[in-house]
C-alpha atoms as a PDB file:
ATOM      1  CA  UNK A   1      79.322   9.765  57.865  1.00  0.00           C
ATOM      2  CA  UNK A   2      83.402  10.990  57.699  1.00  0.00           C
ATOM      3  CA  UNK A   3      85.168  10.264  61.099  1.00  0.00           C
ATOM      4  CA  UNK A   4      87.029  14.033  62.259  1.00  0.00           C
ATOM      5  CA  UNK A   5      89.530  11.947  64.393  1.00  0.00           C
ATOM      6  CA  UNK A   6      90.001  15.294  67.669  1.00  0.00           C
ATOM      7  CA  UNK A   7      93.227  14.278  69.829  1.00  0.00           C
ATOM      8  CA  UNK A   8      93.279  15.281  73.516  1.00  0.00           C
ATOM      9  CA  UNK A   9      94.734  14.296  76.688  1.00  0.00           C
ATOM     10  CA  UNK A  10      92.701  12.052  79.202  1.00  0.00           C
ATOM     11  CA  UNK A  11      92.287  14.690  81.847  1.00  0.00           C
ATOM     12  CA  UNK A  12      89.104  15.299  83.347  1.00  0.00           C
ATOM     13  CA  UNK A  13      89.627  19.038  81.986  1.00  0.00           C
ATOM     14  CA  UNK A  14      91.070  18.590  78.691  1.00  0.00           C
ATOM     15  CA  UNK A  15      87.929  16.172  78.203  1.00  0.00           C
ATOM     16  CA  UNK A  16      85.240  18.866  78.844  1.00  0.00           C
ATOM     17  CA  UNK A  17      87.815  20.918  76.517  1.00  0.00           C
ATOM     18  CA  UNK A  18      87.446  18.014  73.489  1.00  0.00           C
ATOM     19  CA  UNK A  19      83.958  17.846  74.449  1.00  0.00           C
ATOM     20  CA  UNK A  20      83.392  21.966  73.926  1.00  0.00           C
ATOM     21  CA  UNK A  21      85.488  21.441  70.997  1.00  0.00           C
ATOM     22  CA  UNK A  22      83.018  18.169  69.726  1.00  0.00           C
ATOM     23  CA  UNK A  23      80.130  20.020  70.282  1.00  0.00           C
ATOM     24  CA  UNK A  24      80.945  22.968  68.979  1.00  0.00           C
ATOM     25  CA  UNK A  25      81.400  21.400  65.191  1.00  0.00           C
ATOM     26  CA  UNK A  26      78.468  18.877  65.339  1.00  0.00           C
ATOM     27  CA  UNK A  27      76.747  22.110  65.840  1.00  0.00           C
ATOM     28  CA  UNK A  28      78.209  23.830  62.742  1.00  0.00           C
ATOM     29  CA  UNK A  29      78.458  20.271  60.991  1.00  0.00           C
ATOM     30  CA  UNK A  30      76.036  18.236  61.555  1.00  0.00           C
ATOM     31  CA  UNK A  31      76.212  15.488  58.916  1.00  0.00           C
ATOM     32  CA  UNK A  32      80.181  14.813  59.799  1.00  0.00           C
ATOM     33  CA  UNK A  33      81.579  12.718  62.720  1.00  0.00           C
ATOM     34  CA  UNK A  34      83.580  14.236  65.455  1.00  0.00           C
ATOM     35  CA  UNK A  35      85.175  11.729  67.376  1.00  0.00           C
ATOM     36  CA  UNK A  36      87.646  11.707  70.304  1.00  0.00           C
ATOM     37  CA  UNK A  37      91.064  10.167  71.202  1.00  0.00           C
ATOM     38  CA  UNK A  38      92.323  10.253  74.573  1.00  0.00           C
ATOM     39  CA  UNK A  39      96.038  10.105  75.195  1.00  0.00           C
ATOM     40  CA  UNK A  40      98.614  10.012  78.101  1.00  0.00           C
ATOM     41  CA  UNK A  41     101.682  12.332  77.820  1.00  0.00           C
ATOM     42  CA  UNK A  42     104.606  12.346  78.991  1.00  0.00           C
ATOM     43  CA  UNK A  43     103.509  15.678  81.524  1.00  0.00           C
ATOM     44  CA  UNK A  44     100.618  13.144  82.587  1.00  0.00           C
ATOM     45  CA  UNK A  45     102.731  10.380  83.378  1.00  0.00           C
ATOM     46  CA  UNK A  46     105.645  11.938  85.543  1.00  0.00           C
ATOM     47  CA  UNK A  47     103.448  13.504  88.459  1.00  0.00           C
ATOM     48  CA  UNK A  48     106.211  13.736  91.137  1.00  0.00           C
ATOM     49  CA  UNK A  49     108.422  16.049  89.875  1.00  0.00           C
ATOM     50  CA  UNK A  50     107.803  20.101  89.270  1.00  0.00           C
ATOM     51  CA  UNK A  51     107.665  20.771  84.983  1.00  0.00           C
ATOM     52  CA  UNK A  52     110.429  23.450  86.063  1.00  0.00           C
ATOM     53  CA  UNK A  53     113.007  20.516  87.003  1.00  0.00           C
ATOM     54  CA  UNK A  54     111.559  18.474  84.215  1.00  0.00           C
ATOM     55  CA  UNK A  55     113.005  21.090  82.004  1.00  0.00           C
ATOM     56  CA  UNK A  56     111.324  19.919  78.685  1.00  0.00           C
ATOM     57  CA  UNK A  57     108.900  21.812  76.485  1.00  0.00           C
ATOM     58  CA  UNK A  58     105.812  20.395  74.878  1.00  0.00           C
ATOM     59  CA  UNK A  59     105.576  18.174  78.098  1.00  0.00           C
ATOM     60  CA  UNK A  60     102.012  18.259  77.378  1.00  0.00           C
ATOM     61  CA  UNK A  61     101.937  18.296  73.176  1.00  0.00           C
ATOM     62  CA  UNK A  62     104.445  16.008  72.008  1.00  0.00           C
ATOM     63  CA  UNK A  63     101.918  12.701  71.495  1.00  0.00           C
ATOM     64  CA  UNK A  64      99.035  14.438  69.854  1.00  0.00           C
ATOM     65  CA  UNK A  65     101.754  16.893  67.692  1.00  0.00           C
ATOM     66  CA  UNK A  66     103.038  12.663  66.856  1.00  0.00           C
ATOM     67  CA  UNK A  67      99.279  11.717  66.277  1.00  0.00           C
ATOM     68  CA  UNK A  68      99.297  14.817  63.460  1.00  0.00           C
ATOM     69  CA  UNK A  69     102.243  14.200  61.760  1.00  0.00           C
ATOM     70  CA  UNK A  70     101.669  10.378  61.508  1.00  0.00           C
ATOM     71  CA  UNK A  71      98.522  11.308  60.250  1.00  0.00           C
ATOM     72  CA  UNK A  72      96.620   9.269  63.297  1.00  0.00           C
ATOM     73  CA  UNK A  73      94.365  12.070  64.400  1.00  0.00           C
ATOM     74  CA  UNK A  74      93.196  15.376  62.273  1.00  0.00           C
ATOM     75  CA  UNK A  75      93.101  17.951  65.355  1.00  0.00           C
ATOM     76  CA  UNK A  76      94.510  18.220  68.660  1.00  0.00           C
ATOM     77  CA  UNK A  77      92.950  19.904  70.847  1.00  0.00           C
ATOM     78  CA  UNK A  78      95.342  21.723  74.226  1.00  0.00           C
ATOM     79  CA  UNK A  79      95.321  24.601  76.581  1.00  0.00           C
ATOM     80  CA  UNK A  80      97.220  27.182  75.279  1.00  0.00           C
ATOM     81  CA  UNK A  81      99.234  28.005  78.261  1.00  0.00           C
ATOM     82  CA  UNK A  82     100.743  24.301  77.320  1.00  0.00           C
ATOM     83  CA  UNK A  83     101.801  24.504  74.272  1.00  0.00           C
ATOM     84  CA  UNK A  84     105.485  25.684  73.410  1.00  0.00           C
ATOM     85  CA  UNK A  85     106.285  28.901  71.411  1.00  0.00           C
ATOM     86  CA  UNK A  86     108.189  26.923  68.968  1.00  0.00           C
ATOM     87  CA  UNK A  87     105.704  24.264  67.399  1.00  0.00           C
ATOM     88  CA  UNK A  88     107.233  21.498  66.012  1.00  0.00           C
ATOM     89  CA  UNK A  89     107.868  21.785  61.255  1.00  0.00           C
ATOM     90  CA  UNK A  90     104.788  21.454  59.646  1.00  0.00           C
ATOM     91  CA  UNK A  91     102.326  22.199  62.587  1.00  0.00           C
ATOM     92  CA  UNK A  92     100.175  25.321  63.015  1.00  0.00           C
ATOM     93  CA  UNK A  93      97.189  26.246  65.575  1.00  0.00           C
ATOM     94  CA  UNK A  94      94.454  26.839  63.469  1.00  0.00           C
ATOM     95  CA  UNK A  95      92.164  28.560  65.519  1.00  0.00           C
ATOM     96  CA  UNK A  96      92.246  30.352  69.294  1.00  0.00           C
ATOM     97  CA  UNK A  97      89.464  29.963  70.746  1.00  0.00           C
ATOM     98  CA  UNK A  98      87.436  32.695  72.444  1.00  0.00           C
ATOM     99  CA  UNK A  99      89.641  33.302  76.081  1.00  0.00           C
ATOM    100  CA  UNK A 100      87.989  31.930  79.183  1.00  0.00           C
ATOM    101  CA  UNK A 101      88.745  34.284  82.414  1.00  0.00           C
ATOM    102  CA  UNK A 102      92.504  34.507  81.832  1.00  0.00           C
ATOM    103  CA  UNK A 103      93.665  35.689  85.550  1.00  0.00           C
ATOM    104  CA  UNK A 104      94.627  33.026  88.257  1.00  0.00           C
ATOM    105  CA  UNK A 105      92.186  32.123  91.235  1.00  0.00           C
ATOM    106  CA  UNK A 106      93.108  31.110  95.118  1.00  0.00           C
ATOM    107  CA  UNK A 107      91.211  28.178  96.401  1.00  0.00           C
ATOM    108  CA  UNK A 108      91.646  28.143 100.686  1.00  0.00           C
ATOM    109  CA  UNK A 109      90.254  25.718 103.223  1.00  0.00           C
ATOM    110  CA  UNK A 110      88.376  28.068 105.289  1.00  0.00           C
ATOM    111  CA  UNK A 111      87.472  31.102 102.630  1.00  0.00           C
ATOM    112  CA  UNK A 112      90.446  33.375 103.908  1.00  0.00           C
ATOM    113  CA  UNK A 113      92.239  35.512 101.509  1.00  0.00           C
ATOM    114  CA  UNK A 114      95.326  35.865 100.696  1.00  0.00           C
ATOM    115  CA  UNK A 115      95.962  38.802 101.791  1.00  0.00           C
ATOM    116  CA  UNK A 116      94.572  37.827 105.228  1.00  0.00           C
ATOM    117  CA  UNK A 117      96.694  34.213 105.334  1.00  0.00           C
ATOM    118  CA  UNK A 118      98.788  34.080 108.774  1.00  0.00           C
ATOM    119  CA  UNK A 119     102.602  34.394 108.417  1.00  0.00           C
ATOM    120  CA  UNK A 120     104.096  31.120 107.226  1.00  0.00           C
ATOM    121  CA  UNK A 121     101.203  29.721 105.595  1.00  0.00           C
ATOM    122  CA  UNK A 122     101.619  26.961 103.779  1.00  0.00           C
ATOM    123  CA  UNK A 123     100.191  27.335  99.461  1.00  0.00           C
ATOM    124  CA  UNK A 124     100.625  24.075  97.196  1.00  0.00           C
ATOM    125  CA  UNK A 125     101.817  25.341  93.633  1.00  0.00           C
ATOM    126  CA  UNK A 126     104.301  24.240  91.530  1.00  0.00           C
ATOM    127  CA  UNK A 127     105.227  27.386  89.150  1.00  0.00           C
ATOM    128  CA  UNK A 128     107.923  29.209  89.279  1.00  0.00           C
ATOM    129  CA  UNK A 129     105.917  32.300  88.191  1.00  0.00           C
ATOM    130  CA  UNK A 130     103.065  31.781  90.880  1.00  0.00           C
ATOM    131  CA  UNK A 131     105.263  31.231  93.431  1.00  0.00           C
ATOM    132  CA  UNK A 132     107.869  33.904  92.566  1.00  0.00           C
ATOM    133  CA  UNK A 133     105.236  36.815  92.013  1.00  0.00           C
ATOM    134  CA  UNK A 134     103.259  35.762  95.568  1.00  0.00           C
ATOM    135  CA  UNK A 135     106.887  35.551  97.355  1.00  0.00           C
ATOM    136  CA  UNK A 136     106.782  39.884  95.963  1.00  0.00           C
ATOM    137  CA  UNK A 137     103.493  40.517  97.480  1.00  0.00           C
ATOM    138  CA  UNK A 138     103.433  38.288 100.579  1.00  0.00           C
ATOM    139  CA  UNK A 139     107.768  36.994 101.821  1.00  0.00           C
ATOM    140  CA  UNK A 140     106.267  35.325 104.911  1.00  0.00           C
ATOM    141  CA  UNK A 141     104.564  33.099 103.136  1.00  0.00           C
ATOM    142  CA  UNK A 142     105.089  29.079 102.900  1.00  0.00           C
ATOM    143  CA  UNK A 143     105.401  26.995  99.349  1.00  0.00           C
ATOM    144  CA  UNK A 144     105.270  23.532  98.823  1.00  0.00           C
ATOM    145  CA  UNK A 145     104.896  21.827  95.069  1.00  0.00           C
ATOM    146  CA  UNK A 146     101.883  20.558  93.682  1.00  0.00           C
ATOM    147  CA  UNK A 147     101.424  18.933  90.418  1.00  0.00           C
ATOM    148  CA  UNK A 148      98.416  16.191  89.350  1.00  0.00           C
ATOM    149  CA  UNK A 149      95.009  17.473  87.437  1.00  0.00           C
ATOM    150  CA  UNK A 150      92.157  19.300  89.617  1.00  0.00           C
ATOM    151  CA  UNK A 151      90.402  16.765  91.323  1.00  0.00           C
ATOM    152  CA  UNK A 152      93.868  14.935  92.353  1.00  0.00           C
ATOM    153  CA  UNK A 153      95.145  19.104  93.844  1.00  0.00           C
ATOM    154  CA  UNK A 154      91.744  19.802  95.733  1.00  0.00           C
ATOM    155  CA  UNK A 155      92.195  16.120  97.040  1.00  0.00           C
ATOM    156  CA  UNK A 156      95.142  17.119  98.969  1.00  0.00           C
ATOM    157  CA  UNK A 157      93.785  20.775 100.085  1.00  0.00           C
ATOM    158  CA  UNK A 158      91.413  19.090 102.262  1.00  0.00           C
ATOM    159  CA  UNK A 159      94.021  16.385 103.218  1.00  0.00           C
ATOM    160  CA  UNK A 160      97.384  17.908 104.112  1.00  0.00           C
ATOM    161  CA  UNK A 161      97.854  21.467 105.920  1.00  0.00           C
ATOM    162  CA  UNK A 162      98.188  23.400 103.304  1.00  0.00           C
ATOM    163  CA  UNK A 163      95.690  26.565 103.133  1.00  0.00           C
ATOM    164  CA  UNK A 164      94.913  27.163  99.748  1.00  0.00           C
ATOM    165  CA  UNK A 165      96.634  26.309  96.307  1.00  0.00           C
ATOM    166  CA  UNK A 166      96.503  28.717  93.579  1.00  0.00           C
ATOM    167  CA  UNK A 167      95.013  27.852  90.212  1.00  0.00           C
ATOM    168  CA  UNK A 168      93.461  28.735  87.028  1.00  0.00           C
ATOM    169  CA  UNK A 169      90.727  30.412  87.210  1.00  0.00           C
ATOM    170  CA  UNK A 170      89.333  29.072  83.118  1.00  0.00           C
ATOM    171  CA  UNK A 171      90.081  24.953  84.345  1.00  0.00           C
ATOM    172  CA  UNK A 172      88.194  25.904  87.712  1.00  0.00           C
ATOM    173  CA  UNK A 173      85.554  27.811  85.602  1.00  0.00           C
ATOM    174  CA  UNK A 174      84.875  24.974  83.705  1.00  0.00           C
ATOM    175  CA  UNK A 175      85.406  21.998  85.650  1.00  0.00           C
ATOM    176  CA  UNK A 176      81.839  24.136  87.562  1.00  0.00           C
ATOM    177  CA  UNK A 177      84.067  24.971  90.557  1.00  0.00           C
ATOM    178  CA  UNK A 178      83.439  28.205  90.044  1.00  0.00           C
ATOM    179  CA  UNK A 179      81.739  28.123  93.828  1.00  0.00           C
ATOM    180  CA  UNK A 180      85.188  26.750  95.017  1.00  0.00           C
ATOM    181  CA  UNK A 181      87.340  30.454  94.598  1.00  0.00           C
ATOM    182  CA  UNK A 182      88.166  32.197  97.006  1.00  0.00           C
ATOM    183  CA  UNK A 183      89.082  35.411  95.146  1.00  0.00           C
ATOM    184  CA  UNK A 184      90.282  36.307  91.449  1.00  0.00           C
ATOM    185  CA  UNK A 185      94.219  37.336  92.212  1.00  0.00           C
ATOM    186  CA  UNK A 186      94.294  41.074  90.245  1.00  0.00           C
ATOM    187  CA  UNK A 187      96.521  41.085  87.610  1.00  0.00           C
ATOM    188  CA  UNK A 188      99.099  43.944  89.775  1.00  0.00           C
ATOM    189  CA  UNK A 189      99.273  40.583  92.454  1.00  0.00           C
ATOM    190  CA  UNK A 190      99.541  37.417  89.817  1.00  0.00           C
ATOM    191  CA  UNK A 191     100.160  37.602  85.695  1.00  0.00           C
ATOM    192  CA  UNK A 192      98.379  35.062  84.541  1.00  0.00           C
ATOM    193  CA  UNK A 193     100.854  32.233  82.268  1.00  0.00           C
ATOM    194  CA  UNK A 194     100.698  33.248  78.243  1.00  0.00           C
ATOM    195  CA  UNK A 195      97.650  31.993  76.618  1.00  0.00           C
ATOM    196  CA  UNK A 196      96.092  31.101  79.847  1.00  0.00           C
ATOM    197  CA  UNK A 197      92.517  30.584  79.478  1.00  0.00           C
ATOM    198  CA  UNK A 198      92.335  29.598  75.628  1.00  0.00           C
ATOM    199  CA  UNK A 199      91.973  26.534  74.137  1.00  0.00           C
ATOM    200  CA  UNK A 200      93.633  26.296  71.098  1.00  0.00           C
ATOM    201  CA  UNK A 201      93.126  23.648  67.750  1.00  0.00           C
ATOM    202  CA  UNK A 202      96.064  22.548  66.425  1.00  0.00           C
ATOM    203  CA  UNK A 203      96.780  20.424  63.004  1.00  0.00           C
ATOM    204  CA  UNK A 204      98.959  19.564  60.074  1.00  0.00           C
ATOM    205  CA  UNK A 205      99.365  22.913  58.146  1.00  0.00           C
ATOM    206  CA  UNK A 206      98.761  20.645  54.898  1.00  0.00           C
ATOM    207  CA  UNK A 207      95.156  19.562  56.160  1.00  0.00           C
ATOM    208  CA  UNK A 208      93.468  22.958  54.765  1.00  0.00           C
ATOM    209  CA  UNK A 209      89.960  20.842  54.732  1.00  0.00           C
ATOM    210  CA  UNK A 210      90.280  20.835  58.689  1.00  0.00           C
ATOM    211  CA  UNK A 211      91.757  24.460  58.603  1.00  0.00           C
ATOM    212  CA  UNK A 212      88.065  25.378  57.035  1.00  0.00           C
ATOM    213  CA  UNK A 213      86.451  23.564  59.381  1.00  0.00           C
ATOM    214  CA  UNK A 214      87.817  25.349  62.028  1.00  0.00           C
ATOM    215  CA  UNK A 215      87.584  28.724  60.567  1.00  0.00           C
ATOM    216  CA  UNK A 216      84.236  29.437  62.470  1.00  0.00           C
ATOM    217  CA  UNK A 217      85.832  28.797  66.213  1.00  0.00           C
ATOM    218  CA  UNK A 218      88.214  31.060  65.678  1.00  0.00           C
ATOM    219  CA  UNK A 219      88.069  33.781  67.914  1.00  0.00           C
ATOM    220  CA  UNK A 220      89.797  36.997  66.084  1.00  0.00           C
ATOM    221  CA  UNK A 221      90.513  39.038  69.391  1.00  0.00           C
ATOM    222  CA  UNK A 222      91.464  36.240  71.492  1.00  0.00           C
ATOM    223  CA  UNK A 223      94.165  35.457  68.683  1.00  0.00           C
ATOM    224  CA  UNK A 224      95.344  38.755  68.670  1.00  0.00           C
ATOM    225  CA  UNK A 225      95.892  38.788  72.576  1.00  0.00           C
ATOM    226  CA  UNK A 226      97.697  35.298  72.718  1.00  0.00           C
ATOM    227  CA  UNK A 227      99.691  35.851  69.879  1.00  0.00           C
ATOM    228  CA  UNK A 228     101.470  39.204  71.363  1.00  0.00           C
ATOM    229  CA  UNK A 229     101.948  37.041  74.615  1.00  0.00           C
ATOM    230  CA  UNK A 230     103.463  33.998  72.479  1.00  0.00           C
ATOM    231  CA  UNK A 231     105.729  36.925  71.331  1.00  0.00           C
ATOM    232  CA  UNK A 232     106.979  38.559  74.352  1.00  0.00           C
ATOM    233  CA  UNK A 233     108.028  34.291  75.323  1.00  0.00           C
ATOM    234  CA  UNK A 234     109.280  33.551  72.518  1.00  0.00           C
ATOM    235  CA  UNK A 235     111.727  36.817  72.390  1.00  0.00           C
ATOM    236  CA  UNK A 236     112.934  35.503  76.182  1.00  0.00           C
ATOM    237  CA  UNK A 237     112.730  32.061  75.308  1.00  0.00           C
ATOM    238  CA  UNK A 238     110.945  31.247  78.309  1.00  0.00           C
ATOM    239  CA  UNK A 239     109.322  28.223  79.255  1.00  0.00           C
ATOM    240  CA  UNK A 240     108.012  25.805  82.659  1.00  0.00           C
ATOM    241  CA  UNK A 241     111.679  26.994  83.960  1.00  0.00           C
ATOM    242  CA  UNK A 242     111.174  30.137  83.966  1.00  0.00           C
ATOM    243  CA  UNK A 243     108.802  33.050  85.912  1.00  0.00           C
ATOM    244  CA  UNK A 244     107.452  34.762  83.140  1.00  0.00           C
ATOM    245  CA  UNK A 245     103.654  35.966  83.252  1.00  0.00           C
ATOM    246  CA  UNK A 246     101.414  38.266  80.378  1.00  0.00           C
ATOM    247  CA  UNK A 247      98.540  39.616  79.394  1.00  0.00           C
ATOM    248  CA  UNK A 248      96.943  40.795  76.739  1.00  0.00           C
ATOM    249  CA  UNK A 249      93.941  42.477  75.584  1.00  0.00           C
ATOM    250  CA  UNK A 250      92.012  43.992  72.900  1.00  0.00           C
ATOM    251  CA  UNK A 251      90.150  47.644  73.723  1.00  0.00           C
ATOM    252  CA  UNK A 252      88.445  49.672  71.480  1.00  0.00           C
ATOM    253  CA  UNK A 253      90.778  47.283  68.776  1.00  0.00           C
ATOM    254  CA  UNK A 254      94.414  48.049  70.758  1.00  0.00           C
ATOM    255  CA  UNK A 255      96.295  45.332  72.170  1.00  0.00           C
ATOM    256  CA  UNK A 256      97.449  45.943  75.482  1.00  0.00           C
ATOM    257  CA  UNK A 257      99.960  43.769  76.913  1.00  0.00           C
ATOM    258  CA  UNK A 258     101.305  43.719  79.957  1.00  0.00           C
ATOM    259  CA  UNK A 259     104.728  41.815  80.675  1.00  0.00           C
ATOM    260  CA  UNK A 260     106.192  40.097  83.741  1.00  0.00           C
ATOM    261  CA  UNK A 261     109.557  38.401  84.710  1.00  0.00           C
ATOM    262  CA  UNK A 262     110.544  37.852  88.859  1.00  0.00           C
ATOM    263  CA  UNK A 263     113.621  36.370  90.033  1.00  0.00           C
ATOM    264  CA  UNK A 264     113.111  32.814  92.165  1.00  0.00           C
ATOM    265  CA  UNK A 265     113.354  34.174  95.224  1.00  0.00           C
ATOM    266  CA  UNK A 266     110.370  37.004  94.370  1.00  0.00           C
ATOM    267  CA  UNK A 267     112.711  39.888  95.090  1.00  0.00           C
ATOM    268  CA  UNK A 268     113.285  41.384  91.827  1.00  0.00           C
ATOM    269  CA  UNK A 269     109.676  41.672  89.976  1.00  0.00           C
ATOM    270  CA  UNK A 270     110.355  43.335  86.785  1.00  0.00           C
ATOM    271  CA  UNK A 271     106.874  44.821  84.470  1.00  0.00           C
ATOM    272  CA  UNK A 272     106.427  46.751  81.183  1.00  0.00           C
ATOM    273  CA  UNK A 273     103.238  47.449  79.543  1.00  0.00           C
ATOM    274  CA  UNK A 274     102.769  48.407  75.984  1.00  0.00           C
ATOM    275  CA  UNK A 275      99.716  49.341  73.182  1.00  0.00           C
ATOM    276  CA  UNK A 276      99.821  49.099  69.560  1.00  0.00           C
ATOM    277  CA  UNK A 277      97.924  47.068  66.447  1.00  0.00           C
ATOM    278  CA  UNK A 278     100.413  44.468  65.737  1.00  0.00           C
ATOM    279  CA  UNK A 279     100.611  41.435  68.198  1.00  0.00           C
ATOM    280  CA  UNK A 280     103.942  40.526  67.291  1.00  0.00           C
ATOM    281  CA  UNK A 281     105.294  44.228  67.364  1.00  0.00           C
ATOM    282  CA  UNK A 282     103.434  44.736  70.936  1.00  0.00           C
ATOM    283  CA  UNK A 283     105.069  41.275  72.341  1.00  0.00           C
ATOM    284  CA  UNK A 284     108.805  41.994  70.937  1.00  0.00           C
ATOM    285  CA  UNK A 285     108.668  45.786  72.356  1.00  0.00           C
ATOM    286  CA  UNK A 286     107.692  44.365  75.850  1.00  0.00           C
ATOM    287  CA  UNK A 287     110.160  41.986  76.009  1.00  0.00           C
ATOM    288  CA  UNK A 288     112.289  44.499  74.721  1.00  0.00           C
ATOM    289  CA  UNK A 289     111.462  46.838  77.868  1.00  0.00           C
ATOM    290  CA  UNK A 290     111.698  44.173  79.980  1.00  0.00           C
ATOM    291  CA  UNK A 291     114.845  43.065  78.717  1.00  0.00           C
ATOM    292  CA  UNK A 292     116.711  46.291  79.224  1.00  0.00           C
ATOM    293  CA  UNK A 293     114.766  46.890  82.772  1.00  0.00           C
ATOM    294  CA  UNK A 294     117.026  43.599  83.615  1.00  0.00           C
ATOM    295  CA  UNK A 295     115.144  40.309  83.060  1.00  0.00           C
ATOM    296  CA  UNK A 296     118.201  38.688  80.883  1.00  0.00           C
ATOM    297  CA  UNK A 297     120.552  38.397  83.923  1.00  0.00           C
ATOM    298  CA  UNK A 298     117.689  37.172  86.134  1.00  0.00           C
ATOM    299  CA  UNK A 299     116.726  34.020  83.037  1.00  0.00           C
ATOM    300  CA  UNK A 300     120.290  33.681  82.420  1.00  0.00           C
ATOM    301  CA  UNK A 301     120.144  32.782  86.715  1.00  0.00           C
ATOM    302  CA  UNK A 302     117.191  30.679  86.637  1.00  0.00           C
ATOM    303  CA  UNK A 303     118.477  28.501  83.719  1.00  0.00           C
END
């Protein structure tokens, strides 16, 4: 049996994702042996600083990418939203797995919804994208930075004076926590992170043998939607440091892409929507519309 090495972060959610990929591949190719190789990344080690302050793209991917380039791994499994839009030379995303619910969710201590919170209520999130949109919706709320894996964030919610936390629906569902969701946040309040909800599998571009194995895990509609989102992000040169949201959906073969750029104080929230068939063209068009509306000056101020 040939061993095929699957690289993953060692958090519970990352392991769930890698185990899911492992199980799908094992079903497809029962004569091959798929082995998980867990690693710690820089983003897993620095937990006391918001990602926006570290300001480093690839915080959750670099160590795995080194493994691919040094032939220590055959593939690496990532949350697509953690991946920079520019990959290291020689690496490609070989499969975009079918997307789970892409939106964000609110988990509160006592089942109180966002619109029912009292003025001054404290919300836990380190995401500039989430904070700026929530400040726009409810300028009276307060925020505290919150990092760590999902278990850590849930524990901190219980032990603190926070009333609720905002997380990606996909991760919450994958850990079997759907019962803890107070509400799914609608897109007009909270536009998702680029790629949120999709598992991406990265490989060395020379490994056509691995690409062939992964072809059956690629979900074409998800790929088209997230390619549009990632093109928008690349055009705006965004990362963890800037409040950019995007959500692409394929409806009757057509891509509908909504994009958002916000100021840190939430006062200015710019939104644009474009429909089309080519993911790259749609992504660039939404980015250009946001730039025309003033996104460039907002992003320049933040940087």
